[in-house]
Amino acid sequence: MKSRNAAQDRKNEMRERKMAEVLFGAREVFFRCGYEGATVDAIAAEGKVSKATMYSYFPTKEQLFLSVVESECGRLAEEILRPLSAGPEPRAQLEKLALRMIDLVLDETYIRLLRTCIGATEMLPEVGEVYFRAGPKRARELISKVLERLSREGALEIDNPPRVADHFIHLCVSGLLMPRLLAVQRTVERDKHAADAVTAFLRLYGSGHRVEL
């Protein structure tokens, strides 16, 4: 019984390793060539697997691409989704969140992924939903929870945490995302950008500092 279980474990490990190799090869080819330009032959060669092996895990190029997007979004979201300690003052917590969003936009892999997804949407419209569900939606949910907690503690005045989370995210990446997507070289003072974003956010939603627009 033990030997059979051990054999199954080895089989599962090998399957996971091969799948990782396929995803790695696909990631590199999709980033380099785009969805439309990527070929099955190039993906198999990059991942050092046979086409038969690749098809055994992902029967179509569409499924493989969507799996790459989901995998990369999940990996990139890990930093943003790390729990915040409740100890620091509200502004410090918000600045930590802002820095996580800024660092994501400054991450070259994230920009390559986003460019590739944008380029693929015309031929594969569902990629937008996969990208949003695996990445931005999860970040929005975490930030919503943080803002809701800060509101309960009296530091913020908000009535719709998800909507306010969107405002927070946009303030954090404002002036950064478009230049990064278009490869426009800009010097980014990340700490100052985070502090300015939080200052603007608190002017709108900080307790006792609401601005009527």
C-alpha atoms as a PDB file:
ATOM      1  CA  MET A   1       0.000   0.000   0.000  1.00  0.00           C
ATOM      2  CA  LYS A   2       2.788   2.399   0.963  1.00  0.00           C
ATOM      3  CA  SER A   3       4.738   1.675  -2.217  1.00  0.00           C
ATOM      4  CA  ARG A   4       1.613   2.297  -4.300  1.00  0.00           C
ATOM      5  CA  ASN A   5       1.045   5.610  -2.538  1.00  0.00           C
ATOM      6  CA  ALA A   6       4.692   6.564  -3.007  1.00  0.00           C
ATOM      7  CA  ALA A   7       4.477   5.752  -6.706  1.00  0.00           C
ATOM      8  CA  GLN A   8       1.348   7.873  -7.026  1.00  0.00           C
ATOM      9  CA  ASP A   9       3.064  10.732  -5.215  1.00  0.00           C
ATOM     10  CA  ARG A  10       6.013  10.557  -7.616  1.00  0.00           C
ATOM     11  CA  LYS A  11       3.624  10.502 -10.541  1.00  0.00           C
ATOM     12  CA  ASN A  12       1.810  13.570  -9.218  1.00  0.00           C
ATOM     13  CA  GLU A  13       5.092  15.399  -8.631  1.00  0.00           C
ATOM     14  CA  MET A  14       6.228  14.637 -12.163  1.00  0.00           C
ATOM     15  CA  ARG A  15       2.912  15.830 -13.562  1.00  0.00           C
ATOM     16  CA  GLU A  16       3.137  19.086 -11.601  1.00  0.00           C
ATOM     17  CA  ARG A  17       6.723  19.617 -12.745  1.00  0.00           C
ATOM     18  CA  LYS A  18       5.824  19.049 -16.391  1.00  0.00           C
ATOM     19  CA  MET A  19       2.843  21.366 -16.117  1.00  0.00           C
ATOM     20  CA  ALA A  20       5.093  24.045 -14.608  1.00  0.00           C
ATOM     21  CA  GLU A  21       7.519  23.602 -17.499  1.00  0.00           C
ATOM     22  CA  VAL A  22       4.723  24.018 -20.031  1.00  0.00           C
ATOM     23  CA  LEU A  23       3.440  27.147 -18.273  1.00  0.00           C
ATOM     24  CA  PHE A  24       6.944  28.612 -18.070  1.00  0.00           C
ATOM     25  CA  GLY A  25       7.575  28.038 -21.762  1.00  0.00           C
ATOM     26  CA  ALA A  26       4.190  29.449 -22.685  1.00  0.00           C
ATOM     27  CA  ARG A  27       4.694  32.509 -20.501  1.00  0.00           C
ATOM     28  CA  GLU A  28       7.972  33.376 -22.186  1.00  0.00           C
ATOM     29  CA  VAL A  29       6.618  32.873 -25.703  1.00  0.00           C
ATOM     30  CA  PHE A  30       3.350  34.731 -25.085  1.00  0.00           C
ATOM     31  CA  PHE A  31       5.217  37.666 -23.533  1.00  0.00           C
ATOM     32  CA  ARG A  32       7.679  37.761 -26.419  1.00  0.00           C
ATOM     33  CA  CYS A  33       5.323  37.145 -29.349  1.00  0.00           C
ATOM     34  CA  GLY A  34       1.877  38.018 -28.054  1.00  0.00           C
ATOM     35  CA  TYR A  35      -1.077  35.678 -28.098  1.00  0.00           C
ATOM     36  CA  GLU A  36      -1.592  35.722 -31.851  1.00  0.00           C
ATOM     37  CA  GLY A  37       2.101  35.382 -32.708  1.00  0.00           C
ATOM     38  CA  ALA A  38       2.811  32.539 -30.282  1.00  0.00           C
ATOM     39  CA  THR A  39       3.020  29.091 -31.878  1.00  0.00           C
ATOM     40  CA  VAL A  40       2.610  25.683 -30.305  1.00  0.00           C
ATOM     41  CA  ASP A  41       6.018  24.638 -31.635  1.00  0.00           C
ATOM     42  CA  ALA A  42       7.717  27.636 -30.004  1.00  0.00           C
ATOM     43  CA  ILE A  43       5.950  27.043 -26.688  1.00  0.00           C
ATOM     44  CA  ALA A  44       6.919  23.359 -26.607  1.00  0.00           C
ATOM     45  CA  ALA A  45      10.523  24.206 -27.473  1.00  0.00           C
ATOM     46  CA  GLU A  46      10.747  26.930 -24.817  1.00  0.00           C
ATOM     47  CA  GLY A  47       9.305  24.637 -22.143  1.00  0.00           C
ATOM     48  CA  LYS A  48      11.498  21.750 -23.308  1.00  0.00           C
ATOM     49  CA  VAL A  49       8.513  19.430 -23.649  1.00  0.00           C
ATOM     50  CA  SER A  50       6.938  17.608 -26.561  1.00  0.00           C
ATOM     51  CA  LYS A  51       3.789  18.926 -28.205  1.00  0.00           C
ATOM     52  CA  ALA A  52       2.048  15.732 -27.098  1.00  0.00           C
ATOM     53  CA  THR A  53       2.942  16.491 -23.470  1.00  0.00           C
ATOM     54  CA  MET A  54       1.753  20.056 -23.834  1.00  0.00           C
ATOM     55  CA  TYR A  55      -1.573  18.991 -25.334  1.00  0.00           C
ATOM     56  CA  SER A  56      -2.077  16.436 -22.561  1.00  0.00           C
ATOM     57  CA  TYR A  57      -2.269  19.310 -20.069  1.00  0.00           C
ATOM     58  CA  PHE A  58      -3.733  22.046 -22.240  1.00  0.00           C
ATOM     59  CA  PRO A  59      -5.718  20.816 -25.284  1.00  0.00           C
ATOM     60  CA  THR A  60      -5.823  24.267 -26.923  1.00  0.00           C
ATOM     61  CA  LYS A  61      -3.671  27.370 -27.135  1.00  0.00           C
ATOM     62  CA  GLU A  62      -6.583  29.355 -25.726  1.00  0.00           C
ATOM     63  CA  GLN A  63      -6.730  27.233 -22.562  1.00  0.00           C
ATOM     64  CA  LEU A  64      -2.968  27.470 -22.164  1.00  0.00           C
ATOM     65  CA  PHE A  65      -2.969  31.246 -22.518  1.00  0.00           C
ATOM     66  CA  LEU A  66      -5.783  31.684 -19.994  1.00  0.00           C
ATOM     67  CA  SER A  67      -3.941  29.390 -17.572  1.00  0.00           C
ATOM     68  CA  VAL A  68      -0.778  31.484 -17.936  1.00  0.00           C
ATOM     69  CA  VAL A  69      -2.756  34.666 -17.237  1.00  0.00           C
ATOM     70  CA  GLU A  70      -4.421  33.157 -14.174  1.00  0.00           C
ATOM     71  CA  SER A  71      -1.134  31.767 -12.851  1.00  0.00           C
ATOM     72  CA  GLU A  72       0.777  35.022 -13.329  1.00  0.00           C
ATOM     73  CA  CYS A  73      -1.998  37.145 -11.820  1.00  0.00           C
ATOM     74  CA  GLY A  74      -2.084  34.904  -8.766  1.00  0.00           C
ATOM     75  CA  ARG A  75       1.675  35.083  -8.355  1.00  0.00           C
ATOM     76  CA  LEU A  76       1.800  38.857  -8.731  1.00  0.00           C
ATOM     77  CA  ALA A  77      -1.143  39.358  -6.348  1.00  0.00           C
ATOM     78  CA  GLU A  78       0.600  37.552  -3.497  1.00  0.00           C
ATOM     79  CA  GLU A  79       2.522  40.648  -2.403  1.00  0.00           C
ATOM     80  CA  ILE A  80      -0.558  42.853  -2.365  1.00  0.00           C
ATOM     81  CA  LEU A  81      -2.617  40.230  -0.560  1.00  0.00           C
ATOM     82  CA  ARG A  82      -0.221  39.808   2.363  1.00  0.00           C
ATOM     83  CA  PRO A  83      -2.046  40.677   5.617  1.00  0.00           C
ATOM     84  CA  LEU A  84      -1.372  44.066   7.159  1.00  0.00           C
ATOM     85  CA  SER A  85      -0.539  44.268  10.830  1.00  0.00           C
ATOM     86  CA  ALA A  86      -3.212  46.193  12.711  1.00  0.00           C
ATOM     87  CA  GLY A  87      -0.629  47.971  14.867  1.00  0.00           C
ATOM     88  CA  PRO A  88       0.587  50.980  12.842  1.00  0.00           C
ATOM     89  CA  GLU A  89      -1.492  54.142  12.621  1.00  0.00           C
ATOM     90  CA  PRO A  90      -4.065  54.287   9.803  1.00  0.00           C
ATOM     91  CA  ARG A  91      -1.943  56.495   7.558  1.00  0.00           C
ATOM     92  CA  ALA A  92       1.013  54.105   7.823  1.00  0.00           C
ATOM     93  CA  GLN A  93      -1.225  51.159   6.904  1.00  0.00           C
ATOM     94  CA  LEU A  94      -2.584  53.009   3.893  1.00  0.00           C
ATOM     95  CA  GLU A  95       0.904  53.975   2.749  1.00  0.00           C
ATOM     96  CA  LYS A  96       1.981  50.324   2.949  1.00  0.00           C
ATOM     97  CA  LEU A  97      -0.964  49.384   0.743  1.00  0.00           C
ATOM     98  CA  ALA A  98      -0.149  52.227  -1.642  1.00  0.00           C
ATOM     99  CA  LEU A  99       3.465  51.060  -1.947  1.00  0.00           C
ATOM    100  CA  ARG A 100       2.291  47.547  -2.793  1.00  0.00           C
ATOM    101  CA  MET A 101       0.162  48.923  -5.633  1.00  0.00           C
ATOM    102  CA  ILE A 102       3.002  51.148  -6.865  1.00  0.00           C
ATOM    103  CA  ASP A 103       5.530  48.316  -6.770  1.00  0.00           C
ATOM    104  CA  LEU A 104       3.149  46.157  -8.793  1.00  0.00           C
ATOM    105  CA  VAL A 105       2.968  48.779 -11.547  1.00  0.00           C
ATOM    106  CA  LEU A 106       6.766  49.080 -11.482  1.00  0.00           C
ATOM    107  CA  ASP A 107       7.139  45.302 -11.853  1.00  0.00           C
ATOM    108  CA  GLU A 108       8.265  44.468 -15.390  1.00  0.00           C
ATOM    109  CA  THR A 109       6.485  41.103 -15.402  1.00  0.00           C
ATOM    110  CA  TYR A 110       3.180  42.758 -14.534  1.00  0.00           C
ATOM    111  CA  ILE A 111       3.531  45.251 -17.372  1.00  0.00           C
ATOM    112  CA  ARG A 112       4.436  42.514 -19.857  1.00  0.00           C
ATOM    113  CA  LEU A 113       1.424  40.502 -18.706  1.00  0.00           C
ATOM    114  CA  LEU A 114      -0.943  43.461 -18.998  1.00  0.00           C
ATOM    115  CA  ARG A 115       0.324  44.384 -22.462  1.00  0.00           C
ATOM    116  CA  THR A 116      -0.095  40.772 -23.594  1.00  0.00           C
ATOM    117  CA  CYS A 117      -3.645  40.578 -22.218  1.00  0.00           C
ATOM    118  CA  ILE A 118      -4.644  43.855 -23.877  1.00  0.00           C
ATOM    119  CA  GLY A 119      -3.256  42.606 -27.175  1.00  0.00           C
ATOM    120  CA  ALA A 120      -5.219  39.356 -26.887  1.00  0.00           C
ATOM    121  CA  THR A 121      -8.647  40.740 -25.994  1.00  0.00           C
ATOM    122  CA  GLU A 122      -9.845  41.189 -29.569  1.00  0.00           C
ATOM    123  CA  MET A 123      -9.259  37.519 -30.438  1.00  0.00           C
ATOM    124  CA  LEU A 124      -9.934  36.131 -26.953  1.00  0.00           C
ATOM    125  CA  PRO A 125     -12.382  38.430 -25.130  1.00  0.00           C
ATOM    126  CA  GLU A 126     -12.626  36.171 -22.075  1.00  0.00           C
ATOM    127  CA  VAL A 127      -9.034  36.952 -21.133  1.00  0.00           C
ATOM    128  CA  GLY A 128     -10.199  40.223 -19.576  1.00  0.00           C
ATOM    129  CA  GLU A 129     -12.513  38.432 -17.167  1.00  0.00           C
ATOM    130  CA  VAL A 130      -9.831  35.878 -16.247  1.00  0.00           C
ATOM    131  CA  TYR A 131      -7.287  38.646 -15.644  1.00  0.00           C
ATOM    132  CA  PHE A 132      -9.684  40.726 -13.567  1.00  0.00           C
ATOM    133  CA  ARG A 133     -10.909  37.791 -11.477  1.00  0.00           C
ATOM    134  CA  ALA A 134      -7.430  36.428 -10.720  1.00  0.00           C
ATOM    135  CA  GLY A 135      -5.725  39.749  -9.999  1.00  0.00           C
ATOM    136  CA  PRO A 136      -7.479  43.121  -9.617  1.00  0.00           C
ATOM    137  CA  LYS A 137     -10.641  41.680  -8.062  1.00  0.00           C
ATOM    138  CA  ARG A 138      -8.658  39.981  -5.293  1.00  0.00           C
ATOM    139  CA  ALA A 139      -6.669  43.151  -4.589  1.00  0.00           C
ATOM    140  CA  ARG A 140      -9.872  45.202  -4.515  1.00  0.00           C
ATOM    141  CA  GLU A 141     -11.438  42.793  -2.017  1.00  0.00           C
ATOM    142  CA  LEU A 142      -8.442  42.984   0.333  1.00  0.00           C
ATOM    143  CA  ILE A 143      -8.265  46.763   0.186  1.00  0.00           C
ATOM    144  CA  SER A 144     -12.029  46.954   0.760  1.00  0.00           C
ATOM    145  CA  LYS A 145     -11.644  44.929   3.950  1.00  0.00           C
ATOM    146  CA  VAL A 146      -8.824  47.158   5.198  1.00  0.00           C
ATOM    147  CA  LEU A 147     -10.824  50.310   4.482  1.00  0.00           C
ATOM    148  CA  GLU A 148     -13.930  48.857   6.105  1.00  0.00           C
ATOM    149  CA  ARG A 149     -11.942  48.032   9.240  1.00  0.00           C
ATOM    150  CA  LEU A 150     -10.426  51.531   9.361  1.00  0.00           C
ATOM    151  CA  SER A 151     -13.916  52.958   8.991  1.00  0.00           C
ATOM    152  CA  ARG A 152     -15.185  50.871  11.925  1.00  0.00           C
ATOM    153  CA  GLU A 153     -12.232  52.112  13.978  1.00  0.00           C
ATOM    154  CA  GLY A 154     -13.229  55.712  13.189  1.00  0.00           C
ATOM    155  CA  ALA A 155     -10.251  56.615  10.983  1.00  0.00           C
ATOM    156  CA  LEU A 156     -12.294  56.826   7.761  1.00  0.00           C
ATOM    157  CA  GLU A 157     -15.813  57.822   6.775  1.00  0.00           C
ATOM    158  CA  ILE A 158     -16.979  55.577   3.961  1.00  0.00           C
ATOM    159  CA  ASP A 159     -20.283  53.942   3.052  1.00  0.00           C
ATOM    160  CA  ASN A 160     -19.234  51.787   0.070  1.00  0.00           C
ATOM    161  CA  PRO A 161     -15.869  50.088   0.699  1.00  0.00           C
ATOM    162  CA  PRO A 162     -15.528  48.406  -2.747  1.00  0.00           C
ATOM    163  CA  ARG A 163     -16.149  51.677  -4.587  1.00  0.00           C
ATOM    164  CA  VAL A 164     -13.794  53.560  -2.270  1.00  0.00           C
ATOM    165  CA  ALA A 165     -11.190  50.817  -2.759  1.00  0.00           C
ATOM    166  CA  ASP A 166     -11.333  51.572  -6.487  1.00  0.00           C
ATOM    167  CA  HIS A 167     -10.693  55.236  -5.734  1.00  0.00           C
ATOM    168  CA  PHE A 168      -7.724  54.313  -3.542  1.00  0.00           C
ATOM    169  CA  ILE A 169      -6.206  52.086  -6.226  1.00  0.00           C
ATOM    170  CA  HIS A 170      -6.610  54.737  -8.919  1.00  0.00           C
ATOM    171  CA  LEU A 171      -4.925  57.346  -6.729  1.00  0.00           C
ATOM    172  CA  CYS A 172      -2.017  54.974  -6.125  1.00  0.00           C
ATOM    173  CA  VAL A 173      -1.356  54.233  -9.799  1.00  0.00           C
ATOM    174  CA  SER A 174      -2.362  57.611 -11.218  1.00  0.00           C
ATOM    175  CA  GLY A 175       0.411  58.972 -13.430  1.00  0.00           C
ATOM    176  CA  LEU A 176       2.298  55.655 -13.322  1.00  0.00           C
ATOM    177  CA  LEU A 177       0.371  53.020 -15.231  1.00  0.00           C
ATOM    178  CA  MET A 178       0.008  54.661 -18.657  1.00  0.00           C
ATOM    179  CA  PRO A 179       3.684  55.668 -18.980  1.00  0.00           C
ATOM    180  CA  ARG A 180       4.683  52.136 -17.968  1.00  0.00           C
ATOM    181  CA  LEU A 181       2.374  50.564 -20.536  1.00  0.00           C
ATOM    182  CA  LEU A 182       3.734  52.845 -23.271  1.00  0.00           C
ATOM    183  CA  ALA A 183       7.385  52.393 -22.194  1.00  0.00           C
ATOM    184  CA  VAL A 184       7.738  56.120 -21.423  1.00  0.00           C
ATOM    185  CA  GLN A 185      10.726  56.555 -19.132  1.00  0.00           C
ATOM    186  CA  ARG A 186       9.802  58.391 -15.923  1.00  0.00           C
ATOM    187  CA  THR A 187      11.597  58.710 -12.624  1.00  0.00           C
ATOM    188  CA  VAL A 188       9.319  57.467  -9.847  1.00  0.00           C
ATOM    189  CA  GLU A 189       9.818  58.512  -6.230  1.00  0.00           C
ATOM    190  CA  ARG A 190       7.747  55.658  -4.864  1.00  0.00           C
ATOM    191  CA  ASP A 191       7.638  56.810  -1.216  1.00  0.00           C
ATOM    192  CA  LYS A 192       6.571  60.331  -2.176  1.00  0.00           C
ATOM    193  CA  HIS A 193       4.026  59.022  -4.663  1.00  0.00           C
ATOM    194  CA  ALA A 194       2.530  56.770  -1.982  1.00  0.00           C
ATOM    195  CA  ALA A 195       2.426  59.580   0.571  1.00  0.00           C
ATOM    196  CA  ASP A 196       0.773  61.967  -1.907  1.00  0.00           C
ATOM    197  CA  ALA A 197      -1.814  59.348  -2.866  1.00  0.00           C
ATOM    198  CA  VAL A 198      -2.713  58.695   0.774  1.00  0.00           C
ATOM    199  CA  THR A 199      -2.877  62.429   1.530  1.00  0.00           C
ATOM    200  CA  ALA A 200      -5.352  62.924  -1.307  1.00  0.00           C
ATOM    201  CA  PHE A 201      -7.335  59.874  -0.187  1.00  0.00           C
ATOM    202  CA  LEU A 202      -7.575  61.082   3.422  1.00  0.00           C
ATOM    203  CA  ARG A 203      -8.752  64.507   2.279  1.00  0.00           C
ATOM    204  CA  LEU A 204     -11.706  62.732   0.721  1.00  0.00           C
ATOM    205  CA  TYR A 205     -12.379  59.968   3.223  1.00  0.00           C
ATOM    206  CA  GLY A 206     -10.446  60.693   6.408  1.00  0.00           C
ATOM    207  CA  SER A 207     -12.601  61.047   9.504  1.00  0.00           C
ATOM    208  CA  GLY A 208     -13.480  64.700   9.963  1.00  0.00           C
ATOM    209  CA  HIS A 209     -11.787  65.695   6.720  1.00  0.00           C
ATOM    210  CA  ARG A 210     -14.411  64.878   4.095  1.00  0.00           C
ATOM    211  CA  VAL A 211     -14.497  67.193   1.120  1.00  0.00           C
ATOM    212  CA  GLU A 212     -17.859  67.707  -0.530  1.00  0.00           C
ATOM    213  CA  LEU A 213     -17.486  67.570  -4.329  1.00  0.00           C
END
